[in-house]
Amino acid sequence: MSNPDLLELAIREGAAKALRARAEAAAARAEDCRTKIGLKTGGALVISTAESALEERNARDWRALADEIGSGLGEKQNDSGDL
């Protein structure tokens, strides 16, 4: 495998790890929002529910992007025979 290929693999691997970390952080924020929902009433409840839904969507999006990059990484490694 050439140096540019190794660099590309390292970048993809790092990006996938960073995106998974973002997904976990978004999931934790969503859980925090759900906890706050139990403590609030009225208009604040609606805002917290919307925040929770947004963070859950963000977590799904980050995970999907990380999986997409990770699958590309696996294909690249398979193509080079380095698995």
PDB file of N, CA and C in Angstrom:
ATOM      1  N   MET A   1       0.858  -1.167   0.000  1.00  0.00           N
ATOM      2  CA  MET A   1       0.000   0.000   0.000  1.00  0.00           C
ATOM      3  C   MET A   1       0.905   1.231   0.000  1.00  0.00           C
ATOM      4  N   SER A   2       0.576   2.202  -0.815  1.00  0.00           N
ATOM      5  CA  SER A   2       1.398   3.406  -0.939  1.00  0.00           C
ATOM      6  C   SER A   2       1.156   4.360   0.231  1.00  0.00           C
ATOM      7  N   ASN A   3       2.058   5.292   0.407  1.00  0.00           N
ATOM      8  CA  ASN A   3       1.919   6.275   1.480  1.00  0.00           C
ATOM      9  C   ASN A   3       0.640   7.098   1.364  1.00  0.00           C
ATOM     10  N   PRO A   4       0.240   7.549   0.164  1.00  0.00           N
ATOM     11  CA  PRO A   4      -1.034   8.277   0.069  1.00  0.00           C
ATOM     12  C   PRO A   4      -2.225   7.416   0.499  1.00  0.00           C
ATOM     13  N   ASP A   5      -2.188   6.127   0.176  1.00  0.00           N
ATOM     14  CA  ASP A   5      -3.273   5.236   0.598  1.00  0.00           C
ATOM     15  C   ASP A   5      -3.293   5.097   2.117  1.00  0.00           C
ATOM     16  N   LEU A   6      -2.125   4.960   2.714  1.00  0.00           N
ATOM     17  CA  LEU A   6      -2.046   4.864   4.174  1.00  0.00           C
ATOM     18  C   LEU A   6      -2.547   6.144   4.828  1.00  0.00           C
ATOM     19  N   LEU A   7      -2.198   7.270   4.255  1.00  0.00           N
ATOM     20  CA  LEU A   7      -2.661   8.551   4.781  1.00  0.00           C
ATOM     21  C   LEU A   7      -4.177   8.649   4.687  1.00  0.00           C
ATOM     22  N   GLU A   8      -4.732   8.236   3.555  1.00  0.00           N
ATOM     23  CA  GLU A   8      -6.187   8.271   3.385  1.00  0.00           C
ATOM     24  C   GLU A   8      -6.871   7.367   4.409  1.00  0.00           C
ATOM     25  N   LEU A   9      -6.332   6.184   4.633  1.00  0.00           N
ATOM     26  CA  LEU A   9      -6.906   5.278   5.627  1.00  0.00           C
ATOM     27  C   LEU A   9      -6.852   5.890   7.017  1.00  0.00           C
ATOM     28  N   ALA A  10      -5.729   6.504   7.354  1.00  0.00           N
ATOM     29  CA  ALA A  10      -5.595   7.125   8.672  1.00  0.00           C
ATOM     30  C   ALA A  10      -6.590   8.269   8.847  1.00  0.00           C
ATOM     31  N   ILE A  11      -6.764   9.062   7.812  1.00  0.00           N
ATOM     32  CA  ILE A  11      -7.719  10.173   7.875  1.00  0.00           C
ATOM     33  C   ILE A  11      -9.140   9.648   8.032  1.00  0.00           C
ATOM     34  N   ARG A  12      -9.496   8.643   7.253  1.00  0.00           N
ATOM     35  CA  ARG A  12     -10.851   8.069   7.352  1.00  0.00           C
ATOM     36  C   ARG A  12     -11.087   7.456   8.728  1.00  0.00           C
ATOM     37  N   GLU A  13     -10.086   6.739   9.229  1.00  0.00           N
ATOM     38  CA  GLU A  13     -10.229   6.111  10.539  1.00  0.00           C
ATOM     39  C   GLU A  13     -10.407   7.177  11.616  1.00  0.00           C
ATOM     40  N   GLY A  14      -9.605   8.225  11.552  1.00  0.00           N
ATOM     41  CA  GLY A  14      -9.731   9.318  12.517  1.00  0.00           C
ATOM     42  C   GLY A  14     -11.074  10.010  12.417  1.00  0.00           C
ATOM     43  N   ALA A  15     -11.539  10.227  11.203  1.00  0.00           N
ATOM     44  CA  ALA A  15     -12.837  10.875  11.004  1.00  0.00           C
ATOM     45  C   ALA A  15     -13.961  10.012  11.555  1.00  0.00           C
ATOM     46  N   ALA A  16     -13.904   8.720  11.308  1.00  0.00           N
ATOM     47  CA  ALA A  16     -14.944   7.820  11.813  1.00  0.00           C
ATOM     48  C   ALA A  16     -14.961   7.829  13.338  1.00  0.00           C
ATOM     49  N   LYS A  17     -13.788   7.815  13.960  1.00  0.00           N
ATOM     50  CA  LYS A  17     -13.721   7.853  15.429  1.00  0.00           C
ATOM     51  C   LYS A  17     -14.275   9.167  15.964  1.00  0.00           C
ATOM     52  N   ALA A  18     -13.917  10.269  15.330  1.00  0.00           N
ATOM     53  CA  ALA A  18     -14.405  11.576  15.773  1.00  0.00           C
ATOM     54  C   ALA A  18     -15.922  11.671  15.634  1.00  0.00           C
ATOM     55  N   LEU A  19     -16.462  11.149  14.544  1.00  0.00           N
ATOM     56  CA  LEU A  19     -17.913  11.198  14.340  1.00  0.00           C
ATOM     57  C   LEU A  19     -18.644  10.318  15.342  1.00  0.00           C
ATOM     58  N   ARG A  20     -18.070   9.172  15.660  1.00  0.00           N
ATOM     59  CA  ARG A  20     -18.699   8.317  16.674  1.00  0.00           C
ATOM     60  C   ARG A  20     -18.695   9.007  18.035  1.00  0.00           C
ATOM     61  N   ALA A  21     -17.613   9.723  18.346  1.00  0.00           N
ATOM     62  CA  ALA A  21     -17.557  10.477  19.602  1.00  0.00           C
ATOM     63  C   ALA A  21     -18.621  11.572  19.612  1.00  0.00           C
ATOM     64  N   ARG A  22     -18.805  12.253  18.485  1.00  0.00           N
ATOM     65  CA  ARG A  22     -19.857  13.265  18.388  1.00  0.00           C
ATOM     66  C   ARG A  22     -21.232  12.635  18.575  1.00  0.00           C
ATOM     67  N   ALA A  23     -21.430  11.460  18.007  1.00  0.00           N
ATOM     68  CA  ALA A  23     -22.717  10.768  18.144  1.00  0.00           C
ATOM     69  C   ALA A  23     -22.986  10.438  19.602  1.00  0.00           C
ATOM     70  N   GLU A  24     -21.972   9.959  20.299  1.00  0.00           N
ATOM     71  CA  GLU A  24     -22.146   9.628  21.716  1.00  0.00           C
ATOM     72  C   GLU A  24     -22.438  10.884  22.535  1.00  0.00           C
ATOM     73  N   ALA A  25     -21.770  11.985  22.214  1.00  0.00           N
ATOM     74  CA  ALA A  25     -22.024  13.239  22.925  1.00  0.00           C
ATOM     75  C   ALA A  25     -23.449  13.728  22.669  1.00  0.00           C
ATOM     76  N   ALA A  26     -23.907  13.623  21.432  1.00  0.00           N
ATOM     77  CA  ALA A  26     -25.277  14.033  21.106  1.00  0.00           C
ATOM     78  C   ALA A  26     -26.286  13.141  21.818  1.00  0.00           C
ATOM     79  N   ALA A  27     -25.998  11.856  21.892  1.00  0.00           N
ATOM     80  CA  ALA A  27     -26.896  10.934  22.599  1.00  0.00           C
ATOM     81  C   ALA A  27     -26.943  11.280  24.088  1.00  0.00           C
ATOM     82  N   ALA A  28     -25.803  11.641  24.652  1.00  0.00           N
ATOM     83  CA  ALA A  28     -25.768  12.026  26.067  1.00  0.00           C
ATOM     84  C   ALA A  28     -26.560  13.314  26.290  1.00  0.00           C
ATOM     85  N   ARG A  29     -26.436  14.275  25.362  1.00  0.00           N
ATOM     86  CA  ARG A  29     -27.218  15.510  25.485  1.00  0.00           C
ATOM     87  C   ARG A  29     -28.709  15.218  25.359  1.00  0.00           C
ATOM     88  N   ALA A  30     -29.083  14.300  24.488  1.00  0.00           N
ATOM     89  CA  ALA A  30     -30.496  13.930  24.343  1.00  0.00           C
ATOM     90  C   ALA A  30     -31.012  13.333  25.642  1.00  0.00           C
ATOM     91  N   GLU A  31     -30.208  12.480  26.249  1.00  0.00           N
ATOM     92  CA  GLU A  31     -30.606  11.883  27.528  1.00  0.00           C
ATOM     93  C   GLU A  31     -30.744  12.965  28.596  1.00  0.00           C
ATOM     94  N   ASP A  32     -29.825  13.922  28.601  1.00  0.00           N
ATOM     95  CA  ASP A  32     -29.894  15.035  29.544  1.00  0.00           C
ATOM     96  C   ASP A  32     -31.166  15.838  29.315  1.00  0.00           C
ATOM     97  N   CYS A  33     -31.514  16.066  28.065  1.00  0.00           N
ATOM     98  CA  CYS A  33     -32.754  16.791  27.746  1.00  0.00           C
ATOM     99  C   CYS A  33     -33.972  16.024  28.238  1.00  0.00           C
ATOM    100  N   ARG A  34     -33.951  14.707  28.073  1.00  0.00           N
ATOM    101  CA  ARG A  34     -35.082  13.895  28.546  1.00  0.00           C
ATOM    102  C   ARG A  34     -35.193  13.979  30.064  1.00  0.00           C
ATOM    103  N   THR A  35     -34.057  14.040  30.755  1.00  0.00           N
ATOM    104  CA  THR A  35     -34.078  14.179  32.209  1.00  0.00           C
ATOM    105  C   THR A  35     -34.672  15.528  32.594  1.00  0.00           C
ATOM    106  N   LYS A  36     -34.294  16.578  31.875  1.00  0.00           N
ATOM    107  CA  LYS A  36     -34.827  17.912  32.150  1.00  0.00           C
ATOM    108  C   LYS A  36     -36.324  17.969  31.902  1.00  0.00           C
ATOM    109  N   ILE A  37     -36.800  17.223  30.927  1.00  0.00           N
ATOM    110  CA  ILE A  37     -38.230  17.232  30.606  1.00  0.00           C
ATOM    111  C   ILE A  37     -39.045  16.855  31.835  1.00  0.00           C
ATOM    112  N   GLY A  38     -38.534  15.901  32.605  1.00  0.00           N
ATOM    113  CA  GLY A  38     -39.237  15.489  33.810  1.00  0.00           C
ATOM    114  C   GLY A  38     -39.291  16.571  34.870  1.00  0.00           C
ATOM    115  N   LEU A  39     -38.418  17.579  34.766  1.00  0.00           N
ATOM    116  CA  LEU A  39     -38.348  18.635  35.774  1.00  0.00           C
ATOM    117  C   LEU A  39     -39.071  19.914  35.371  1.00  0.00           C
ATOM    118  N   LYS A  40     -39.522  20.008  34.119  1.00  0.00           N
ATOM    119  CA  LYS A  40     -40.097  21.254  33.609  1.00  0.00           C
ATOM    120  C   LYS A  40     -41.583  21.103  33.314  1.00  0.00           C
ATOM    121  N   THR A  41     -42.229  22.256  33.185  1.00  0.00           N
ATOM    122  CA  THR A  41     -43.643  22.260  32.820  1.00  0.00           C
ATOM    123  C   THR A  41     -43.891  23.325  31.762  1.00  0.00           C
ATOM    124  N   GLY A  42     -45.022  23.254  31.111  1.00  0.00           N
ATOM    125  CA  GLY A  42     -45.457  24.280  30.166  1.00  0.00           C
ATOM    126  C   GLY A  42     -44.555  24.433  28.963  1.00  0.00           C
ATOM    127  N   GLY A  43     -44.263  25.709  28.615  1.00  0.00           N
ATOM    128  CA  GLY A  43     -43.465  26.019  27.435  1.00  0.00           C
ATOM    129  C   GLY A  43     -42.077  25.426  27.492  1.00  0.00           C
ATOM    130  N   ALA A  44     -41.489  25.374  28.683  1.00  0.00           N
ATOM    131  CA  ALA A  44     -40.148  24.804  28.812  1.00  0.00           C
ATOM    132  C   ALA A  44     -40.156  23.326  28.443  1.00  0.00           C
ATOM    133  N   LEU A  45     -41.251  22.650  28.707  1.00  0.00           N
ATOM    134  CA  LEU A  45     -41.373  21.234  28.358  1.00  0.00           C
ATOM    135  C   LEU A  45     -41.312  21.050  26.846  1.00  0.00           C
ATOM    136  N   VAL A  46     -41.994  21.906  26.120  1.00  0.00           N
ATOM    137  CA  VAL A  46     -41.995  21.823  24.658  1.00  0.00           C
ATOM    138  C   VAL A  46     -40.587  22.056  24.121  1.00  0.00           C
ATOM    139  N   ILE A  47     -39.888  23.050  24.656  1.00  0.00           N
ATOM    140  CA  ILE A  47     -38.522  23.344  24.217  1.00  0.00           C
ATOM    141  C   ILE A  47     -37.601  22.171  24.521  1.00  0.00           C
ATOM    142  N   SER A  48     -37.688  21.617  25.724  1.00  0.00           N
ATOM    143  CA  SER A  48     -36.829  20.490  26.084  1.00  0.00           C
ATOM    144  C   SER A  48     -37.117  19.270  25.225  1.00  0.00           C
ATOM    145  N   THR A  49     -38.383  19.040  24.909  1.00  0.00           N
ATOM    146  CA  THR A  49     -38.741  17.913  24.051  1.00  0.00           C
ATOM    147  C   THR A  49     -38.149  18.110  22.657  1.00  0.00           C
ATOM    148  N   ALA A  50     -38.215  19.326  22.146  1.00  0.00           N
ATOM    149  CA  ALA A  50     -37.639  19.616  20.831  1.00  0.00           C
ATOM    150  C   ALA A  50     -36.123  19.462  20.864  1.00  0.00           C
ATOM    151  N   GLU A  51     -35.480  19.928  21.944  1.00  0.00           N
ATOM    152  CA  GLU A  51     -34.027  19.779  22.076  1.00  0.00           C
ATOM    153  C   GLU A  51     -33.641  18.306  22.101  1.00  0.00           C
ATOM    154  N   SER A  52     -34.404  17.517  22.829  1.00  0.00           N
ATOM    155  CA  SER A  52     -34.129  16.085  22.919  1.00  0.00           C
ATOM    156  C   SER A  52     -34.250  15.425  21.553  1.00  0.00           C
ATOM    157  N   ALA A  53     -35.302  15.752  20.831  1.00  0.00           N
ATOM    158  CA  ALA A  53     -35.499  15.169  19.499  1.00  0.00           C
ATOM    159  C   ALA A  53     -34.376  15.581  18.554  1.00  0.00           C
ATOM    160  N   LEU A  54     -33.951  16.841  18.638  1.00  0.00           N
ATOM    161  CA  LEU A  54     -32.861  17.321  17.790  1.00  0.00           C
ATOM    162  C   LEU A  54     -31.567  16.576  18.103  1.00  0.00           C
ATOM    163  N   GLU A  55     -31.249  16.411  19.377  1.00  0.00           N
ATOM    164  CA  GLU A  55     -30.019  15.712  19.752  1.00  0.00           C
ATOM    165  C   GLU A  55     -30.072  14.239  19.341  1.00  0.00           C
ATOM    166  N   GLU A  56     -31.247  13.617  19.454  1.00  0.00           N
ATOM    167  CA  GLU A  56     -31.377  12.228  19.011  1.00  0.00           C
ATOM    168  C   GLU A  56     -31.147  12.123  17.507  1.00  0.00           C
ATOM    169  N   ARG A  57     -31.702  13.073  16.761  1.00  0.00           N
ATOM    170  CA  ARG A  57     -31.484  13.084  15.310  1.00  0.00           C
ATOM    171  C   ARG A  57     -30.010  13.325  14.988  1.00  0.00           C
ATOM    172  N   ASN A  58     -29.388  14.249  15.706  1.00  0.00           N
ATOM    173  CA  ASN A  58     -27.961  14.499  15.502  1.00  0.00           C
ATOM    174  C   ASN A  58     -27.146  13.237  15.767  1.00  0.00           C
ATOM    175  N   ALA A  59     -27.466  12.535  16.840  1.00  0.00           N
ATOM    176  CA  ALA A  59     -26.737  11.306  17.171  1.00  0.00           C
ATOM    177  C   ALA A  59     -26.886  10.282  16.047  1.00  0.00           C
ATOM    178  N   ARG A  60     -28.103  10.112  15.537  1.00  0.00           N
ATOM    179  CA  ARG A  60     -28.322   9.174  14.429  1.00  0.00           C
ATOM    180  C   ARG A  60     -27.531   9.591  13.195  1.00  0.00           C
ATOM    181  N   ASP A  61     -27.562  10.892  12.900  1.00  0.00           N
ATOM    182  CA  ASP A  61     -26.849  11.389  11.716  1.00  0.00           C
ATOM    183  C   ASP A  61     -25.346  11.176  11.841  1.00  0.00           C
ATOM    184  N   TRP A  62     -24.773  11.485  13.006  1.00  0.00           N
ATOM    185  CA  TRP A  62     -23.328  11.302  13.207  1.00  0.00           C
ATOM    186  C   TRP A  62     -22.956   9.831  13.105  1.00  0.00           C
ATOM    187  N   ARG A  63     -23.793   8.961  13.697  1.00  0.00           N
ATOM    188  CA  ARG A  63     -23.501   7.519  13.620  1.00  0.00           C
ATOM    189  C   ARG A  63     -23.555   7.034  12.176  1.00  0.00           C
ATOM    190  N   ALA A  64     -24.560   7.483  11.435  1.00  0.00           N
ATOM    191  CA  ALA A  64     -24.697   7.062  10.034  1.00  0.00           C
ATOM    192  C   ALA A  64     -23.498   7.514   9.212  1.00  0.00           C
ATOM    193  N   LEU A  65     -23.061   8.743   9.434  1.00  0.00           N
ATOM    194  CA  LEU A  65     -21.900   9.240   8.701  1.00  0.00           C
ATOM    195  C   LEU A  65     -20.639   8.472   9.089  1.00  0.00           C
ATOM    196  N   ALA A  66     -20.481   8.194  10.379  1.00  0.00           N
ATOM    197  CA  ALA A  66     -19.325   7.410  10.833  1.00  0.00           C
ATOM    198  C   ALA A  66     -19.359   6.010  10.231  1.00  0.00           C
ATOM    199  N   ASP A  67     -20.541   5.402  10.185  1.00  0.00           N
ATOM    200  CA  ASP A  67     -20.665   4.067   9.591  1.00  0.00           C
ATOM    201  C   ASP A  67     -20.338   4.094   8.101  1.00  0.00           C
ATOM    202  N   GLU A  68     -20.790   5.155   7.425  1.00  0.00           N
ATOM    203  CA  GLU A  68     -20.513   5.279   5.991  1.00  0.00           C
ATOM    204  C   GLU A  68     -19.009   5.405   5.746  1.00  0.00           C
ATOM    205  N   ILE A  69     -18.356   6.233   6.536  1.00  0.00           N
ATOM    206  CA  ILE A  69     -16.904   6.382   6.401  1.00  0.00           C
ATOM    207  C   ILE A  69     -16.218   5.083   6.776  1.00  0.00           C
ATOM    208  N   GLY A  70     -16.690   4.448   7.857  1.00  0.00           N
ATOM    209  CA  GLY A  70     -16.101   3.183   8.291  1.00  0.00           C
ATOM    210  C   GLY A  70     -16.250   2.092   7.254  1.00  0.00           C
ATOM    211  N   SER A  71     -17.385   2.054   6.570  1.00  0.00           N
ATOM    212  CA  SER A  71     -17.561   1.024   5.543  1.00  0.00           C
ATOM    213  C   SER A  71     -16.637   1.294   4.369  1.00  0.00           C
ATOM    214  N   GLY A  72     -16.448   2.551   4.031  1.00  0.00           N
ATOM    215  CA  GLY A  72     -15.492   2.902   2.982  1.00  0.00           C
ATOM    216  C   GLY A  72     -14.084   2.537   3.387  1.00  0.00           C
ATOM    217  N   LEU A  73     -13.788   2.680   4.666  1.00  0.00           N
ATOM    218  CA  LEU A  73     -12.473   2.318   5.190  1.00  0.00           C
ATOM    219  C   LEU A  73     -12.265   0.819   5.069  1.00  0.00           C
ATOM    220  N   GLY A  74     -13.288   0.040   5.411  1.00  0.00           N
ATOM    221  CA  GLY A  74     -13.187  -1.411   5.291  1.00  0.00           C
ATOM    222  C   GLY A  74     -12.989  -1.842   3.854  1.00  0.00           C
ATOM    223  N   GLU A  75     -13.714  -1.202   2.934  1.00  0.00           N
ATOM    224  CA  GLU A  75     -13.559  -1.528   1.511  1.00  0.00           C
ATOM    225  C   GLU A  75     -12.148  -1.207   1.039  1.00  0.00           C
ATOM    226  N   LYS A  76     -11.621  -0.077   1.481  1.00  0.00           N
ATOM    227  CA  LYS A  76     -10.279   0.338   1.065  1.00  0.00           C
ATOM    228  C   LYS A  76      -9.246  -0.660   1.592  1.00  0.00           C
ATOM    229  N   GLN A  77      -9.413  -1.110   2.847  1.00  0.00           N
ATOM    230  CA  GLN A  77      -8.480  -2.079   3.418  1.00  0.00           C
ATOM    231  C   GLN A  77      -8.596  -3.418   2.700  1.00  0.00           C
ATOM    232  N   ASN A  78      -9.817  -3.825   2.369  1.00  0.00           N
ATOM    233  CA  ASN A  78     -10.009  -5.090   1.656  1.00  0.00           C
ATOM    234  C   ASN A  78      -9.379  -5.040   0.275  1.00  0.00           C
ATOM    235  N   ASP A  79      -9.516  -3.911  -0.392  1.00  0.00           N
ATOM    236  CA  ASP A  79      -8.929  -3.764  -1.724  1.00  0.00           C
ATOM    237  C   ASP A  79      -7.419  -3.912  -1.691  1.00  0.00           C
ATOM    238  N   SER A  80      -6.812  -3.465  -0.605  1.00  0.00           N
ATOM    239  CA  SER A  80      -5.353  -3.510  -0.524  1.00  0.00           C
ATOM    240  C   SER A  80      -4.854  -4.825   0.057  1.00  0.00           C
ATOM    241  N   GLY A  81      -5.766  -5.628   0.605  1.00  0.00           N
ATOM    242  CA  GLY A  81      -5.372  -6.913   1.181  1.00  0.00           C
ATOM    243  C   GLY A  81      -4.734  -6.789   2.548  1.00  0.00           C
ATOM    244  N   ASP A  82      -4.987  -5.680   3.249  1.00  0.00           N
ATOM    245  CA  ASP A  82      -4.358  -5.452   4.545  1.00  0.00           C
ATOM    246  C   ASP A  82      -5.220  -5.859   5.730  1.00  0.00           C
ATOM    247  N   LEU A  83      -6.271  -6.586   5.552  1.00  0.00           N
ATOM    248  CA  LEU A  83      -7.082  -7.003   6.688  1.00  0.00           C
ATOM    249  C   LEU A  83      -6.665  -8.291   7.263  1.00  0.00           C
TER     250      LEU A  83
END
